[in-house]
Amino acid sequence: KLAKHNGVVSLDEPELSIAGRDSERVPFGTGPALIKIGQHQQALQDYRYYHPKSFKALGRLRFVLNNSAAEISPERFLARLESSVSQDHVLPDVLDSLRFDRFLLHCSKQALHGQRALAAFDDWFDAFTTLKFVHACRDLFYEDLPLGALIEHGAELPADLLEQYNTILMNWSA
C-alpha cells in the first residue's frame, strides 16, 4: 500500500528488527509461519523457504520495466516491454499466470508509457500480486528449499542470521 502512495526506499542496512511470535489471529503471515516451523521435528531440514532465484526473477522484471519506461511512445514502450520479457526464460510463463496481458492491454488502451506506466504497474503489482509472482515462480520453476540449501544457492543472509544458523548446526551435530 505504501508503495502506491509514497514509494519504497531500499536502505543500506536495517534500522529496525522485527521479532516474530506465534499467533493464530490471521490465516497467513509471520505468526502462523512460526507455528508451522515449530511443528517440524527437524525444522532446519524440513521447513522450506522460497528459492532465491524467484527474487532474482522479480528483480529482472523490475529492471525490464525501468528500462522500457524511457520509450517515447506507448506503442514502443509496450513493444520493448513485451520483447524484453519474452527473452527471459522464466518471466513469460510467470507473468502469463498473473494475467499480465490484461495489464498490457490496460496500458495500451490508456496510452500509458514512461513514469505513468510504471505507476500503473505499481498499482497493479501490489503486495498480494508480488506474493502470487513468487508462488508462480515456485510452482513453475524453482522448488522451495531448506535453509541449508538456500546458502548453497547463494542466498544473501544477514551476518547475524548466518551466525545463528551455524551455531545451531554446530550444537545439533554435537
N, C-alpha and C. Protein backbone atom coordinates (compact mmCIF):
# COMPACT_ATOMS: atom_id res chain seq x y z
N LYS A 1 0.82 -1.19 0.00
CA LYS A 1 0.00 0.00 0.00
C LYS A 1 0.86 1.25 0.00
N LEU A 2 1.93 1.25 0.80
CA LEU A 2 2.78 2.41 0.92
C LEU A 2 3.41 2.77 -0.42
N ALA A 3 3.83 1.76 -1.17
CA ALA A 3 4.50 2.00 -2.44
C ALA A 3 3.59 2.74 -3.40
N LYS A 4 2.29 2.53 -3.31
CA LYS A 4 1.35 3.18 -4.22
C LYS A 4 1.27 4.68 -3.95
N HIS A 5 1.55 5.10 -2.73
CA HIS A 5 1.37 6.50 -2.38
C HIS A 5 2.67 7.28 -2.30
N ASN A 6 3.70 6.70 -1.72
CA ASN A 6 4.93 7.46 -1.50
C ASN A 6 6.19 6.78 -2.01
N GLY A 7 6.08 5.60 -2.54
CA GLY A 7 7.26 4.88 -2.99
C GLY A 7 7.91 4.12 -1.85
N VAL A 8 8.85 3.27 -2.20
CA VAL A 8 9.58 2.48 -1.21
C VAL A 8 11.06 2.72 -1.44
N VAL A 9 11.78 2.95 -0.37
CA VAL A 9 13.20 3.23 -0.44
C VAL A 9 13.95 2.04 0.15
N SER A 10 14.98 1.57 -0.54
CA SER A 10 15.81 0.50 -0.02
C SER A 10 16.90 1.09 0.85
N LEU A 11 17.04 0.54 2.04
CA LEU A 11 18.06 1.01 2.97
C LEU A 11 19.33 0.19 2.81
N ASP A 12 20.48 0.81 3.11
CA ASP A 12 21.74 0.09 3.05
C ASP A 12 21.82 -0.96 4.14
N GLU A 13 21.22 -0.68 5.29
CA GLU A 13 21.19 -1.66 6.38
C GLU A 13 19.89 -1.45 7.15
N PRO A 14 19.42 -2.49 7.82
CA PRO A 14 18.15 -2.35 8.53
C PRO A 14 18.24 -1.37 9.69
N GLU A 15 17.17 -0.62 9.89
CA GLU A 15 17.14 0.31 11.00
C GLU A 15 16.30 -0.23 12.14
N LEU A 16 15.55 -1.28 11.89
CA LEU A 16 14.78 -1.92 12.94
C LEU A 16 14.75 -3.41 12.68
N SER A 17 14.49 -4.12 13.72
CA SER A 17 14.43 -5.57 13.62
C SER A 17 13.07 -6.02 14.13
N ILE A 18 12.38 -6.81 13.37
CA ILE A 18 11.06 -7.28 13.73
C ILE A 18 11.18 -8.69 14.28
N ALA A 19 10.71 -8.89 15.48
CA ALA A 19 10.75 -10.21 16.10
C ALA A 19 9.37 -10.86 15.92
N GLY A 20 9.37 -12.09 15.46
CA GLY A 20 8.12 -12.80 15.27
C GLY A 20 7.66 -13.48 16.55
N ARG A 21 6.38 -13.77 16.61
CA ARG A 21 5.85 -14.55 17.72
C ARG A 21 4.72 -15.41 17.18
N ASP A 22 4.51 -16.54 17.83
CA ASP A 22 3.43 -17.43 17.44
C ASP A 22 2.10 -16.69 17.55
N SER A 23 1.25 -16.85 16.54
CA SER A 23 -0.06 -16.20 16.58
C SER A 23 -0.98 -16.89 15.59
N GLU A 24 -2.23 -17.03 15.99
CA GLU A 24 -3.24 -17.60 15.09
C GLU A 24 -4.33 -16.58 14.77
N ARG A 25 -4.04 -15.28 15.00
CA ARG A 25 -5.05 -14.25 14.76
C ARG A 25 -5.41 -14.10 13.27
N VAL A 26 -4.45 -14.37 12.42
CA VAL A 26 -4.67 -14.22 10.98
C VAL A 26 -4.28 -15.52 10.27
N PRO A 27 -4.80 -15.76 9.06
CA PRO A 27 -4.53 -17.03 8.38
C PRO A 27 -3.15 -17.14 7.75
N PHE A 28 -2.43 -16.02 7.59
CA PHE A 28 -1.10 -16.06 6.99
C PHE A 28 -0.25 -14.99 7.64
N GLY A 29 1.03 -15.05 7.38
CA GLY A 29 1.95 -14.08 7.95
C GLY A 29 2.95 -14.74 8.87
N THR A 30 3.66 -13.92 9.63
CA THR A 30 4.75 -14.40 10.48
C THR A 30 4.26 -15.33 11.58
N GLY A 31 3.18 -14.95 12.27
CA GLY A 31 2.67 -15.76 13.39
C GLY A 31 2.35 -17.19 12.98
N PRO A 32 1.47 -17.39 11.99
CA PRO A 32 1.18 -18.75 11.54
C PRO A 32 2.41 -19.47 10.97
N ALA A 33 3.32 -18.71 10.31
CA ALA A 33 4.53 -19.33 9.76
C ALA A 33 5.41 -19.88 10.88
N LEU A 34 5.52 -19.14 11.99
CA LEU A 34 6.33 -19.62 13.11
C LEU A 34 5.73 -20.88 13.73
N ILE A 35 4.40 -20.92 13.79
CA ILE A 35 3.74 -22.13 14.30
C ILE A 35 4.04 -23.31 13.39
N LYS A 36 3.96 -23.06 12.08
CA LYS A 36 4.22 -24.12 11.09
C LYS A 36 5.67 -24.62 11.19
N ILE A 37 6.61 -23.70 11.36
CA ILE A 37 8.02 -24.09 11.51
C ILE A 37 8.20 -24.93 12.76
N GLY A 38 7.56 -24.51 13.85
CA GLY A 38 7.67 -25.21 15.12
C GLY A 38 7.11 -26.61 15.10
N GLN A 39 6.25 -26.93 14.15
CA GLN A 39 5.65 -28.26 14.06
C GLN A 39 6.59 -29.29 13.45
N HIS A 40 7.68 -28.84 12.85
CA HIS A 40 8.65 -29.76 12.25
C HIS A 40 9.61 -30.28 13.31
N GLN A 41 9.86 -31.56 13.27
CA GLN A 41 10.82 -32.16 14.19
C GLN A 41 12.23 -31.64 13.92
N GLN A 42 12.57 -31.55 12.66
CA GLN A 42 13.88 -31.05 12.26
C GLN A 42 13.66 -29.87 11.31
N ALA A 43 13.33 -28.74 11.89
CA ALA A 43 12.93 -27.57 11.10
C ALA A 43 14.00 -27.12 10.10
N LEU A 44 15.28 -27.24 10.48
CA LEU A 44 16.34 -26.81 9.56
C LEU A 44 16.34 -27.61 8.27
N GLN A 45 15.98 -28.89 8.35
CA GLN A 45 15.95 -29.72 7.14
C GLN A 45 14.57 -29.76 6.50
N ASP A 46 13.53 -29.68 7.31
CA ASP A 46 12.18 -29.92 6.80
C ASP A 46 11.45 -28.67 6.31
N TYR A 47 11.62 -27.55 6.99
CA TYR A 47 10.89 -26.36 6.59
C TYR A 47 11.49 -25.79 5.31
N ARG A 48 10.66 -25.35 4.40
CA ARG A 48 11.11 -24.87 3.10
C ARG A 48 10.91 -23.37 2.96
N TYR A 49 11.85 -22.75 2.26
CA TYR A 49 11.84 -21.30 2.01
C TYR A 49 11.80 -21.06 0.50
N TYR A 50 11.33 -19.88 0.13
CA TYR A 50 11.30 -19.54 -1.30
C TYR A 50 12.72 -19.57 -1.86
N HIS A 51 12.83 -20.03 -3.08
CA HIS A 51 14.12 -20.11 -3.77
C HIS A 51 14.62 -18.70 -4.09
N PRO A 52 15.91 -18.42 -3.88
CA PRO A 52 16.45 -17.09 -4.19
C PRO A 52 16.25 -16.68 -5.65
N LYS A 53 16.19 -17.65 -6.56
CA LYS A 53 16.01 -17.30 -7.97
C LYS A 53 14.65 -16.67 -8.24
N SER A 54 13.66 -16.95 -7.38
CA SER A 54 12.35 -16.31 -7.53
C SER A 54 12.49 -14.80 -7.36
N PHE A 55 13.32 -14.39 -6.41
CA PHE A 55 13.50 -12.97 -6.16
C PHE A 55 14.39 -12.33 -7.22
N LYS A 56 15.30 -13.12 -7.77
CA LYS A 56 16.10 -12.60 -8.89
C LYS A 56 15.21 -12.36 -10.11
N ALA A 57 14.24 -13.25 -10.34
CA ALA A 57 13.28 -13.06 -11.43
C ALA A 57 12.46 -11.79 -11.21
N LEU A 58 12.08 -11.56 -9.97
CA LEU A 58 11.35 -10.34 -9.62
C LEU A 58 12.20 -9.11 -9.92
N GLY A 59 13.47 -9.17 -9.60
CA GLY A 59 14.39 -8.08 -9.91
C GLY A 59 14.54 -7.86 -11.40
N ARG A 60 14.59 -8.96 -12.17
CA ARG A 60 14.70 -8.83 -13.63
C ARG A 60 13.46 -8.14 -14.20
N LEU A 61 12.29 -8.49 -13.66
CA LEU A 61 11.05 -7.85 -14.13
C LEU A 61 11.12 -6.35 -13.89
N ARG A 62 11.54 -5.96 -12.71
CA ARG A 62 11.62 -4.53 -12.39
C ARG A 62 12.64 -3.85 -13.29
N PHE A 63 13.76 -4.51 -13.56
CA PHE A 63 14.79 -3.96 -14.44
C PHE A 63 14.22 -3.74 -15.84
N VAL A 64 13.51 -4.73 -16.35
CA VAL A 64 12.90 -4.62 -17.69
C VAL A 64 11.93 -3.45 -17.73
N LEU A 65 11.09 -3.33 -16.72
CA LEU A 65 10.13 -2.24 -16.67
C LEU A 65 10.82 -0.89 -16.63
N ASN A 66 11.80 -0.75 -15.76
CA ASN A 66 12.50 0.53 -15.63
C ASN A 66 13.20 0.92 -16.93
N ASN A 67 13.79 -0.06 -17.62
CA ASN A 67 14.48 0.24 -18.88
C ASN A 67 13.52 0.48 -20.03
N SER A 68 12.34 -0.12 -19.97
CA SER A 68 11.35 0.10 -21.03
C SER A 68 10.64 1.44 -20.87
N ALA A 69 10.60 1.96 -19.65
CA ALA A 69 9.84 3.18 -19.37
C ALA A 69 10.39 4.40 -20.11
N ALA A 70 11.64 4.36 -20.55
CA ALA A 70 12.23 5.50 -21.23
C ALA A 70 11.70 5.68 -22.65
N GLU A 71 10.98 4.69 -23.18
CA GLU A 71 10.47 4.79 -24.54
C GLU A 71 9.52 5.99 -24.69
N ILE A 72 9.58 6.61 -25.83
CA ILE A 72 8.83 7.84 -26.09
C ILE A 72 7.34 7.59 -26.27
N SER A 73 6.99 6.62 -27.06
CA SER A 73 5.57 6.40 -27.37
C SER A 73 5.03 5.18 -26.64
N PRO A 74 3.72 5.15 -26.40
CA PRO A 74 3.12 3.98 -25.77
C PRO A 74 3.37 2.70 -26.56
N GLU A 75 3.30 2.79 -27.88
CA GLU A 75 3.49 1.61 -28.72
C GLU A 75 4.90 1.04 -28.56
N ARG A 76 5.90 1.93 -28.58
CA ARG A 76 7.29 1.49 -28.43
C ARG A 76 7.54 0.95 -27.03
N PHE A 77 6.92 1.58 -26.03
CA PHE A 77 7.06 1.09 -24.65
C PHE A 77 6.55 -0.34 -24.56
N LEU A 78 5.33 -0.58 -25.06
CA LEU A 78 4.74 -1.92 -24.98
C LEU A 78 5.54 -2.94 -25.78
N ALA A 79 5.99 -2.53 -26.97
CA ALA A 79 6.77 -3.45 -27.80
C ALA A 79 8.08 -3.82 -27.11
N ARG A 80 8.75 -2.83 -26.54
CA ARG A 80 10.03 -3.11 -25.87
C ARG A 80 9.80 -3.97 -24.62
N LEU A 81 8.75 -3.66 -23.89
CA LEU A 81 8.44 -4.44 -22.69
C LEU A 81 8.16 -5.89 -23.04
N GLU A 82 7.29 -6.11 -24.02
CA GLU A 82 6.96 -7.48 -24.44
C GLU A 82 8.19 -8.21 -24.97
N SER A 83 9.02 -7.52 -25.75
CA SER A 83 10.21 -8.13 -26.31
C SER A 83 11.19 -8.53 -25.21
N SER A 84 11.41 -7.64 -24.25
CA SER A 84 12.34 -7.93 -23.16
C SER A 84 11.86 -9.08 -22.29
N VAL A 85 10.56 -9.09 -22.00
CA VAL A 85 10.00 -10.16 -21.17
C VAL A 85 10.10 -11.50 -21.89
N SER A 86 9.80 -11.51 -23.19
CA SER A 86 9.78 -12.77 -23.93
C SER A 86 11.17 -13.40 -24.05
N GLN A 87 12.23 -12.62 -23.90
CA GLN A 87 13.59 -13.15 -23.99
C GLN A 87 14.03 -13.85 -22.71
N ASP A 88 13.32 -13.64 -21.62
CA ASP A 88 13.65 -14.26 -20.34
C ASP A 88 13.11 -15.69 -20.35
N HIS A 89 13.75 -16.60 -19.63
CA HIS A 89 13.28 -17.99 -19.63
C HIS A 89 12.22 -18.25 -18.57
N VAL A 90 12.00 -17.31 -17.65
CA VAL A 90 11.03 -17.50 -16.58
C VAL A 90 9.85 -16.54 -16.69
N LEU A 91 10.14 -15.28 -16.94
CA LEU A 91 9.12 -14.23 -16.88
C LEU A 91 7.88 -14.47 -17.73
N PRO A 92 8.00 -14.93 -18.97
CA PRO A 92 6.76 -15.09 -19.76
C PRO A 92 5.74 -16.02 -19.11
N ASP A 93 6.18 -17.17 -18.62
CA ASP A 93 5.25 -18.12 -18.02
C ASP A 93 4.69 -17.60 -16.70
N VAL A 94 5.55 -17.00 -15.89
CA VAL A 94 5.09 -16.49 -14.60
C VAL A 94 4.11 -15.34 -14.81
N LEU A 95 4.44 -14.41 -15.69
CA LEU A 95 3.54 -13.28 -15.95
C LEU A 95 2.24 -13.72 -16.61
N ASP A 96 2.33 -14.76 -17.43
CA ASP A 96 1.12 -15.30 -18.05
C ASP A 96 0.16 -15.81 -16.98
N SER A 97 0.71 -16.45 -15.95
CA SER A 97 -0.14 -16.97 -14.87
C SER A 97 -0.79 -15.85 -14.07
N LEU A 98 -0.19 -14.66 -14.11
CA LEU A 98 -0.73 -13.50 -13.39
C LEU A 98 -1.64 -12.63 -14.27
N ARG A 99 -1.84 -13.06 -15.50
CA ARG A 99 -2.67 -12.31 -16.46
C ARG A 99 -2.05 -10.94 -16.79
N PHE A 100 -0.74 -10.95 -17.00
CA PHE A 100 0.00 -9.73 -17.34
C PHE A 100 -0.53 -9.12 -18.64
N ASP A 101 -1.07 -9.97 -19.50
CA ASP A 101 -1.62 -9.47 -20.75
C ASP A 101 -2.72 -8.44 -20.50
N ARG A 102 -3.47 -8.59 -19.42
CA ARG A 102 -4.51 -7.61 -19.08
C ARG A 102 -3.89 -6.26 -18.72
N PHE A 103 -2.78 -6.31 -18.00
CA PHE A 103 -2.09 -5.06 -17.66
C PHE A 103 -1.59 -4.38 -18.93
N LEU A 104 -1.00 -5.15 -19.83
CA LEU A 104 -0.51 -4.57 -21.08
C LEU A 104 -1.65 -3.98 -21.91
N LEU A 105 -2.79 -4.66 -21.92
CA LEU A 105 -3.96 -4.14 -22.63
C LEU A 105 -4.42 -2.82 -22.01
N HIS A 106 -4.43 -2.77 -20.69
CA HIS A 106 -4.79 -1.54 -19.99
C HIS A 106 -3.85 -0.40 -20.39
N CYS A 107 -2.53 -0.68 -20.41
CA CYS A 107 -1.55 0.34 -20.82
C CYS A 107 -1.82 0.81 -22.24
N SER A 108 -2.12 -0.13 -23.10
CA SER A 108 -2.39 0.19 -24.50
C SER A 108 -3.64 1.07 -24.63
N LYS A 109 -4.72 0.69 -23.96
CA LYS A 109 -5.97 1.46 -24.04
C LYS A 109 -5.82 2.86 -23.46
N GLN A 110 -5.03 2.97 -22.40
CA GLN A 110 -4.85 4.26 -21.73
C GLN A 110 -3.68 5.05 -22.29
N ALA A 111 -2.98 4.48 -23.28
CA ALA A 111 -1.79 5.10 -23.88
C ALA A 111 -0.76 5.43 -22.81
N LEU A 112 -0.54 4.49 -21.91
CA LEU A 112 0.40 4.69 -20.81
C LEU A 112 1.81 4.28 -21.23
N HIS A 113 2.78 5.08 -20.84
CA HIS A 113 4.18 4.73 -21.01
C HIS A 113 4.98 5.56 -20.02
N GLY A 114 6.27 5.30 -19.95
CA GLY A 114 7.12 6.06 -19.05
C GLY A 114 6.69 5.93 -17.60
N GLN A 115 6.80 7.03 -16.88
CA GLN A 115 6.50 7.02 -15.45
C GLN A 115 5.04 6.70 -15.16
N ARG A 116 4.14 7.09 -16.05
CA ARG A 116 2.72 6.77 -15.84
C ARG A 116 2.49 5.27 -15.91
N ALA A 117 3.19 4.60 -16.81
CA ALA A 117 3.06 3.14 -16.91
C ALA A 117 3.67 2.46 -15.69
N LEU A 118 4.80 2.99 -15.21
CA LEU A 118 5.41 2.43 -14.00
C LEU A 118 4.49 2.60 -12.80
N ALA A 119 3.84 3.75 -12.70
CA ALA A 119 2.90 3.98 -11.60
C ALA A 119 1.71 3.01 -11.71
N ALA A 120 1.22 2.80 -12.93
CA ALA A 120 0.11 1.85 -13.13
C ALA A 120 0.55 0.43 -12.77
N PHE A 121 1.79 0.10 -13.14
CA PHE A 121 2.31 -1.23 -12.79
C PHE A 121 2.38 -1.38 -11.27
N ASP A 122 2.87 -0.37 -10.58
CA ASP A 122 2.97 -0.44 -9.12
C ASP A 122 1.60 -0.58 -8.46
N ASP A 123 0.59 0.04 -9.06
CA ASP A 123 -0.77 -0.13 -8.54
C ASP A 123 -1.25 -1.56 -8.74
N TRP A 124 -0.98 -2.11 -9.93
CA TRP A 124 -1.43 -3.46 -10.23
C TRP A 124 -0.59 -4.50 -9.47
N PHE A 125 0.71 -4.32 -9.45
CA PHE A 125 1.63 -5.29 -8.87
C PHE A 125 1.84 -4.97 -7.39
N ASP A 126 0.78 -5.08 -6.63
CA ASP A 126 0.82 -4.78 -5.20
C ASP A 126 1.44 -5.96 -4.44
N ALA A 127 1.38 -5.91 -3.11
CA ALA A 127 2.00 -6.95 -2.29
C ALA A 127 1.40 -8.33 -2.57
N PHE A 128 0.09 -8.39 -2.74
CA PHE A 128 -0.55 -9.68 -2.99
C PHE A 128 -0.11 -10.25 -4.35
N THR A 129 -0.03 -9.41 -5.36
CA THR A 129 0.42 -9.87 -6.68
C THR A 129 1.89 -10.27 -6.63
N THR A 130 2.68 -9.56 -5.83
CA THR A 130 4.08 -9.93 -5.66
C THR A 130 4.19 -11.33 -5.07
N LEU A 131 3.38 -11.61 -4.06
CA LEU A 131 3.36 -12.94 -3.46
C LEU A 131 2.92 -13.99 -4.48
N LYS A 132 1.92 -13.66 -5.29
CA LYS A 132 1.48 -14.59 -6.34
C LYS A 132 2.60 -14.81 -7.35
N PHE A 133 3.38 -13.77 -7.64
CA PHE A 133 4.53 -13.90 -8.55
C PHE A 133 5.53 -14.91 -7.99
N VAL A 134 5.88 -14.76 -6.71
CA VAL A 134 6.84 -15.66 -6.07
C VAL A 134 6.29 -17.09 -6.05
N HIS A 135 4.99 -17.23 -5.77
CA HIS A 135 4.38 -18.57 -5.78
C HIS A 135 4.37 -19.17 -7.17
N ALA A 136 4.14 -18.35 -8.18
CA ALA A 136 4.17 -18.86 -9.56
C ALA A 136 5.59 -19.31 -9.92
N CYS A 137 6.59 -18.56 -9.48
CA CYS A 137 7.99 -18.98 -9.70
C CYS A 137 8.22 -20.34 -9.05
N ARG A 138 7.73 -20.49 -7.84
CA ARG A 138 7.88 -21.76 -7.11
C ARG A 138 7.17 -22.89 -7.86
N ASP A 139 5.93 -22.65 -8.24
CA ASP A 139 5.12 -23.69 -8.87
C ASP A 139 5.62 -24.08 -10.25
N LEU A 140 6.19 -23.13 -10.98
CA LEU A 140 6.58 -23.39 -12.37
C LEU A 140 8.07 -23.70 -12.54
N PHE A 141 8.94 -23.14 -11.67
CA PHE A 141 10.37 -23.26 -11.93
C PHE A 141 11.24 -23.62 -10.74
N TYR A 142 11.07 -22.94 -9.62
CA TYR A 142 12.04 -23.03 -8.55
C TYR A 142 11.42 -23.59 -7.27
N GLU A 143 11.72 -24.83 -7.00
CA GLU A 143 11.19 -25.51 -5.82
C GLU A 143 11.71 -24.84 -4.55
N ASP A 144 10.86 -24.79 -3.52
CA ASP A 144 11.28 -24.26 -2.22
C ASP A 144 12.42 -25.10 -1.67
N LEU A 145 13.26 -24.47 -0.84
CA LEU A 145 14.47 -25.12 -0.34
C LEU A 145 14.58 -25.06 1.17
N PRO A 146 15.25 -26.05 1.78
CA PRO A 146 15.55 -25.93 3.21
C PRO A 146 16.63 -24.86 3.41
N LEU A 147 16.79 -24.39 4.65
CA LEU A 147 17.70 -23.29 4.93
C LEU A 147 19.12 -23.57 4.44
N GLY A 148 19.64 -24.77 4.66
CA GLY A 148 21.00 -25.10 4.23
C GLY A 148 21.17 -24.96 2.73
N ALA A 149 20.17 -25.35 1.98
CA ALA A 149 20.25 -25.26 0.52
C ALA A 149 20.17 -23.80 0.05
N LEU A 150 19.49 -22.97 0.82
CA LEU A 150 19.45 -21.54 0.47
C LEU A 150 20.86 -20.97 0.41
N ILE A 151 21.64 -21.32 1.42
CA ILE A 151 23.01 -20.83 1.48
C ILE A 151 23.82 -21.37 0.31
N GLU A 152 23.61 -22.63 -0.03
CA GLU A 152 24.32 -23.23 -1.16
C GLU A 152 23.95 -22.56 -2.48
N HIS A 153 22.71 -22.04 -2.57
CA HIS A 153 22.26 -21.37 -3.78
C HIS A 153 22.58 -19.88 -3.77
N GLY A 154 23.40 -19.48 -2.85
CA GLY A 154 23.86 -18.09 -2.84
C GLY A 154 22.91 -17.10 -2.22
N ALA A 155 22.01 -17.55 -1.35
CA ALA A 155 21.13 -16.61 -0.67
C ALA A 155 21.99 -15.70 0.20
N GLU A 156 21.69 -14.42 0.16
CA GLU A 156 22.45 -13.46 0.94
C GLU A 156 21.76 -13.27 2.28
N LEU A 157 22.20 -14.04 3.26
CA LEU A 157 21.63 -13.94 4.59
C LEU A 157 22.40 -12.91 5.40
N PRO A 158 21.71 -12.15 6.25
CA PRO A 158 22.42 -11.21 7.12
C PRO A 158 23.41 -11.96 8.00
N ALA A 159 24.51 -11.31 8.34
CA ALA A 159 25.59 -11.95 9.10
C ALA A 159 25.08 -12.55 10.41
N ASP A 160 24.17 -11.84 11.11
CA ASP A 160 23.70 -12.36 12.39
C ASP A 160 22.87 -13.62 12.21
N LEU A 161 22.07 -13.69 11.15
CA LEU A 161 21.27 -14.88 10.89
C LEU A 161 22.17 -16.05 10.48
N LEU A 162 23.18 -15.77 9.67
CA LEU A 162 24.12 -16.81 9.25
C LEU A 162 24.88 -17.35 10.47
N GLU A 163 25.24 -16.46 11.38
CA GLU A 163 25.93 -16.89 12.60
C GLU A 163 25.02 -17.77 13.47
N GLN A 164 23.76 -17.38 13.60
CA GLN A 164 22.81 -18.19 14.37
C GLN A 164 22.63 -19.56 13.73
N TYR A 165 22.51 -19.58 12.41
CA TYR A 165 22.36 -20.84 11.68
C TYR A 165 23.55 -21.75 11.93
N ASN A 166 24.77 -21.21 11.82
CA ASN A 166 25.98 -22.02 12.03
C ASN A 166 26.07 -22.51 13.47
N THR A 167 25.66 -21.68 14.43
CA THR A 167 25.66 -22.10 15.84
C THR A 167 24.69 -23.25 16.06
N ILE A 168 23.52 -23.15 15.48
CA ILE A 168 22.52 -24.23 15.61
C ILE A 168 23.07 -25.52 15.00
N LEU A 169 23.68 -25.41 13.83
CA LEU A 169 24.23 -26.61 13.19
C LEU A 169 25.33 -27.25 14.03
N MET A 170 26.21 -26.43 14.61
CA MET A 170 27.28 -26.98 15.45
C MET A 170 26.70 -27.68 16.67
N ASN A 171 25.73 -27.06 17.33
CA ASN A 171 25.13 -27.65 18.52
C ASN A 171 24.32 -28.89 18.19
N TRP A 172 23.72 -28.89 17.03
CA TRP A 172 22.88 -30.01 16.60
C TRP A 172 23.72 -31.27 16.40
N SER A 173 24.87 -31.07 15.77
CA SER A 173 25.71 -32.24 15.44
C SER A 173 26.57 -32.68 16.61
N ALA A 174 26.65 -31.86 17.67
CA ALA A 174 27.49 -32.22 18.82
C ALA A 174 26.86 -33.26 19.70
